[in-house]
């Protein structure tokens, strides 16, 4: 028996679920970016605990906003997902380096997986590039 690659068939719920997941990821990332820009005491404490200079909070917030903008704009959504994946991978690496608990270390990875899953569901071009295995 041979199997061929087929794209996930789009139902009427596929893009809606993708949009909902995109909204969830976007809201979380926006909240994180705004806290970096505002730099309240908990963010300053977290930067110290992670051994990052607090002066990096503003540039990191701006970079995060640019990644989010690229992700939500349909023409650059794939680039945005790649950039968000890199940003979140860096966050996971920093948490791993300082010995944070497993959930805090894996949470950025989970958000990255959700971002790609949302893009897969909402964009038929991505589904065509990343087909599921079928019979």
C-alpha atoms as a PDB file:
ATOM      1  CA  UNK A   1       0.000   0.000   0.000  1.00  0.00           C
ATOM      2  CA  UNK A   2       1.345   3.425  -0.853  1.00  0.00           C
ATOM      3  CA  UNK A   3       0.214   6.603   0.754  1.00  0.00           C
ATOM      4  CA  UNK A   4       0.094  10.002  -0.843  1.00  0.00           C
ATOM      5  CA  UNK A   5       0.185  13.417   0.713  1.00  0.00           C
ATOM      6  CA  UNK A   6      -3.114  15.246   0.764  1.00  0.00           C
ATOM      7  CA  UNK A   7      -3.990  18.635   2.152  1.00  0.00           C
ATOM      8  CA  UNK A   8      -6.421  18.833   5.044  1.00  0.00           C
ATOM      9  CA  UNK A   9      -9.826  19.369   3.482  1.00  0.00           C
ATOM     10  CA  UNK A  10     -11.157  22.757   4.457  1.00  0.00           C
ATOM     11  CA  UNK A  11     -14.517  22.771   6.124  1.00  0.00           C
ATOM     12  CA  UNK A  12     -16.470  25.868   6.949  1.00  0.00           C
ATOM     13  CA  UNK A  13     -15.012  25.642  10.475  1.00  0.00           C
ATOM     14  CA  UNK A  14     -11.373  25.365   9.442  1.00  0.00           C
ATOM     15  CA  UNK A  15     -10.731  29.083   8.796  1.00  0.00           C
ATOM     16  CA  UNK A  16     -12.927  30.079  11.747  1.00  0.00           C
ATOM     17  CA  UNK A  17     -10.961  27.882  14.129  1.00  0.00           C
ATOM     18  CA  UNK A  18      -7.743  29.238  12.629  1.00  0.00           C
ATOM     19  CA  UNK A  19      -8.937  32.803  13.161  1.00  0.00           C
ATOM     20  CA  UNK A  20      -9.911  32.052  16.763  1.00  0.00           C
ATOM     21  CA  UNK A  21      -6.518  30.486  17.504  1.00  0.00           C
ATOM     22  CA  UNK A  22      -4.794  33.397  15.751  1.00  0.00           C
ATOM     23  CA  UNK A  23      -6.734  35.778  17.993  1.00  0.00           C
ATOM     24  CA  UNK A  24      -5.704  33.849  21.093  1.00  0.00           C
ATOM     25  CA  UNK A  25      -2.023  33.826  20.119  1.00  0.00           C
ATOM     26  CA  UNK A  26      -2.151  37.482  19.073  1.00  0.00           C
ATOM     27  CA  UNK A  27      -3.796  38.610  22.312  1.00  0.00           C
ATOM     28  CA  UNK A  28      -1.241  36.766  24.410  1.00  0.00           C
ATOM     29  CA  UNK A  29       1.676  38.140  22.403  1.00  0.00           C
ATOM     30  CA  UNK A  30       0.242  41.693  22.472  1.00  0.00           C
ATOM     31  CA  UNK A  31      -0.163  41.497  26.224  1.00  0.00           C
ATOM     32  CA  UNK A  32       3.453  40.365  26.535  1.00  0.00           C
ATOM     33  CA  UNK A  33       4.697  43.123  24.205  1.00  0.00           C
ATOM     34  CA  UNK A  34       2.786  45.843  26.072  1.00  0.00           C
ATOM     35  CA  UNK A  35       4.209  44.687  29.393  1.00  0.00           C
ATOM     36  CA  UNK A  36       7.694  44.883  27.887  1.00  0.00           C
ATOM     37  CA  UNK A  37       7.006  48.413  26.670  1.00  0.00           C
ATOM     38  CA  UNK A  38       5.525  49.568  29.993  1.00  0.00           C
ATOM     39  CA  UNK A  39       8.132  47.686  32.083  1.00  0.00           C
ATOM     40  CA  UNK A  40       6.152  47.422  35.339  1.00  0.00           C
ATOM     41  CA  UNK A  41       7.870  46.068  38.450  1.00  0.00           C
ATOM     42  CA  UNK A  42       7.120  42.373  37.693  1.00  0.00           C
ATOM     43  CA  UNK A  43       8.793  42.712  34.273  1.00  0.00           C
ATOM     44  CA  UNK A  44      11.829  44.404  35.807  1.00  0.00           C
ATOM     45  CA  UNK A  45      12.029  41.639  38.425  1.00  0.00           C
ATOM     46  CA  UNK A  46      11.730  38.962  35.717  1.00  0.00           C
ATOM     47  CA  UNK A  47      14.495  40.571  33.670  1.00  0.00           C
ATOM     48  CA  UNK A  48      16.762  40.600  36.724  1.00  0.00           C
ATOM     49  CA  UNK A  49      15.936  36.964  37.524  1.00  0.00           C
ATOM     50  CA  UNK A  50      16.673  35.998  33.916  1.00  0.00           C
ATOM     51  CA  UNK A  51      19.908  38.029  34.055  1.00  0.00           C
ATOM     52  CA  UNK A  52      18.845  40.345  31.226  1.00  0.00           C
ATOM     53  CA  UNK A  53      19.517  44.098  31.285  1.00  0.00           C
ATOM     54  CA  UNK A  54      16.235  45.916  31.893  1.00  0.00           C
ATOM     55  CA  UNK A  55      17.181  48.302  29.073  1.00  0.00           C
ATOM     56  CA  UNK A  56      16.323  45.460  26.659  1.00  0.00           C
ATOM     57  CA  UNK A  57      12.641  45.468  27.650  1.00  0.00           C
ATOM     58  CA  UNK A  58      11.720  48.271  25.238  1.00  0.00           C
ATOM     59  CA  UNK A  59      13.584  46.903  22.188  1.00  0.00           C
ATOM     60  CA  UNK A  60      12.212  43.410  22.838  1.00  0.00           C
ATOM     61  CA  UNK A  61       8.688  44.817  23.057  1.00  0.00           C
ATOM     62  CA  UNK A  62       9.123  46.643  19.740  1.00  0.00           C
ATOM     63  CA  UNK A  63      10.544  43.515  18.044  1.00  0.00           C
ATOM     64  CA  UNK A  64       7.633  41.492  19.392  1.00  0.00           C
ATOM     65  CA  UNK A  65       5.109  44.022  18.053  1.00  0.00           C
ATOM     66  CA  UNK A  66       6.742  43.884  14.615  1.00  0.00           C
ATOM     67  CA  UNK A  67       6.592  40.071  14.638  1.00  0.00           C
ATOM     68  CA  UNK A  68       2.919  40.191  15.622  1.00  0.00           C
ATOM     69  CA  UNK A  69       2.133  42.709  12.882  1.00  0.00           C
ATOM     70  CA  UNK A  70       3.766  40.459  10.290  1.00  0.00           C
ATOM     71  CA  UNK A  71       1.867  37.436  11.659  1.00  0.00           C
ATOM     72  CA  UNK A  72      -1.611  38.977  11.531  1.00  0.00           C
ATOM     73  CA  UNK A  73      -1.215  40.559   8.088  1.00  0.00           C
ATOM     74  CA  UNK A  74      -2.217  37.812   5.618  1.00  0.00           C
ATOM     75  CA  UNK A  75       0.451  38.611   3.004  1.00  0.00           C
ATOM     76  CA  UNK A  76       3.272  38.257   5.553  1.00  0.00           C
ATOM     77  CA  UNK A  77       1.708  35.703   7.892  1.00  0.00           C
ATOM     78  CA  UNK A  78       4.240  32.953   7.121  1.00  0.00           C
ATOM     79  CA  UNK A  79       7.160  35.330   7.710  1.00  0.00           C
ATOM     80  CA  UNK A  80       5.456  36.489  10.910  1.00  0.00           C
ATOM     81  CA  UNK A  81       5.044  32.891  12.091  1.00  0.00           C
ATOM     82  CA  UNK A  82       8.741  32.242  11.411  1.00  0.00           C
ATOM     83  CA  UNK A  83       9.731  35.386  13.325  1.00  0.00           C
ATOM     84  CA  UNK A  84       7.410  34.554  16.234  1.00  0.00           C
ATOM     85  CA  UNK A  85       8.836  31.040  16.340  1.00  0.00           C
ATOM     86  CA  UNK A  86      12.340  32.466  16.668  1.00  0.00           C
ATOM     87  CA  UNK A  87      11.261  34.933  19.344  1.00  0.00           C
ATOM     88  CA  UNK A  88       9.460  32.259  21.337  1.00  0.00           C
ATOM     89  CA  UNK A  89      12.357  29.834  20.894  1.00  0.00           C
ATOM     90  CA  UNK A  90      14.630  32.433  22.441  1.00  0.00           C
ATOM     91  CA  UNK A  91      12.229  32.810  25.359  1.00  0.00           C
ATOM     92  CA  UNK A  92      12.201  29.047  25.910  1.00  0.00           C
ATOM     93  CA  UNK A  93      16.011  28.919  25.763  1.00  0.00           C
ATOM     94  CA  UNK A  94      16.359  31.707  28.330  1.00  0.00           C
ATOM     95  CA  UNK A  95      13.903  29.973  30.680  1.00  0.00           C
ATOM     96  CA  UNK A  96      15.762  26.697  30.240  1.00  0.00           C
ATOM     97  CA  UNK A  97      19.115  28.376  30.909  1.00  0.00           C
ATOM     98  CA  UNK A  98      18.039  29.736  34.291  1.00  0.00           C
ATOM     99  CA  UNK A  99      16.374  26.486  35.341  1.00  0.00           C
ATOM    100  CA  UNK A 100      12.744  27.625  35.303  1.00  0.00           C
ATOM    101  CA  UNK A 101      10.046  25.001  35.926  1.00  0.00           C
ATOM    102  CA  UNK A 102       9.007  22.838  32.971  1.00  0.00           C
ATOM    103  CA  UNK A 103       5.735  24.678  32.276  1.00  0.00           C
ATOM    104  CA  UNK A 104       7.405  28.102  32.157  1.00  0.00           C
ATOM    105  CA  UNK A 105      10.027  26.704  29.806  1.00  0.00           C
ATOM    106  CA  UNK A 106       7.537  24.904  27.545  1.00  0.00           C
ATOM    107  CA  UNK A 107       4.865  27.633  27.446  1.00  0.00           C
ATOM    108  CA  UNK A 108       6.596  29.624  24.662  1.00  0.00           C
ATOM    109  CA  UNK A 109       6.909  26.398  22.667  1.00  0.00           C
ATOM    110  CA  UNK A 110       3.183  25.738  23.123  1.00  0.00           C
ATOM    111  CA  UNK A 111       2.362  29.272  21.926  1.00  0.00           C
ATOM    112  CA  UNK A 112       4.585  28.736  18.863  1.00  0.00           C
ATOM    113  CA  UNK A 113       2.844  25.468  18.027  1.00  0.00           C
ATOM    114  CA  UNK A 114      -0.541  27.202  18.399  1.00  0.00           C
ATOM    115  CA  UNK A 115       0.632  30.014  16.103  1.00  0.00           C
ATOM    116  CA  UNK A 116       1.584  27.544  13.367  1.00  0.00           C
ATOM    117  CA  UNK A 117      -1.556  25.483  13.906  1.00  0.00           C
ATOM    118  CA  UNK A 118      -3.677  28.601  13.556  1.00  0.00           C
ATOM    119  CA  UNK A 119      -1.866  29.585  10.375  1.00  0.00           C
ATOM    120  CA  UNK A 120      -2.300  26.072   8.990  1.00  0.00           C
ATOM    121  CA  UNK A 121      -6.035  26.220   9.622  1.00  0.00           C
ATOM    122  CA  UNK A 122      -6.623  29.724   8.302  1.00  0.00           C
ATOM    123  CA  UNK A 123      -4.424  29.689   5.187  1.00  0.00           C
ATOM    124  CA  UNK A 124      -5.039  27.157   2.432  1.00  0.00           C
ATOM    125  CA  UNK A 125      -1.610  27.900   0.918  1.00  0.00           C
ATOM    126  CA  UNK A 126       0.070  26.693   4.105  1.00  0.00           C
ATOM    127  CA  UNK A 127      -2.132  23.591   4.102  1.00  0.00           C
ATOM    128  CA  UNK A 128      -1.002  22.915   0.535  1.00  0.00           C
ATOM    129  CA  UNK A 129       2.678  23.267   1.555  1.00  0.00           C
ATOM    130  CA  UNK A 130       2.341  21.067   4.643  1.00  0.00           C
ATOM    131  CA  UNK A 131      -0.002  18.266   3.601  1.00  0.00           C
ATOM    132  CA  UNK A 132      -1.151  15.568   5.974  1.00  0.00           C
ATOM    133  CA  UNK A 133      -0.557  11.956   5.109  1.00  0.00           C
ATOM    134  CA  UNK A 134      -3.609  10.203   3.760  1.00  0.00           C
ATOM    135  CA  UNK A 135      -4.548   6.963   2.106  1.00  0.00           C
END
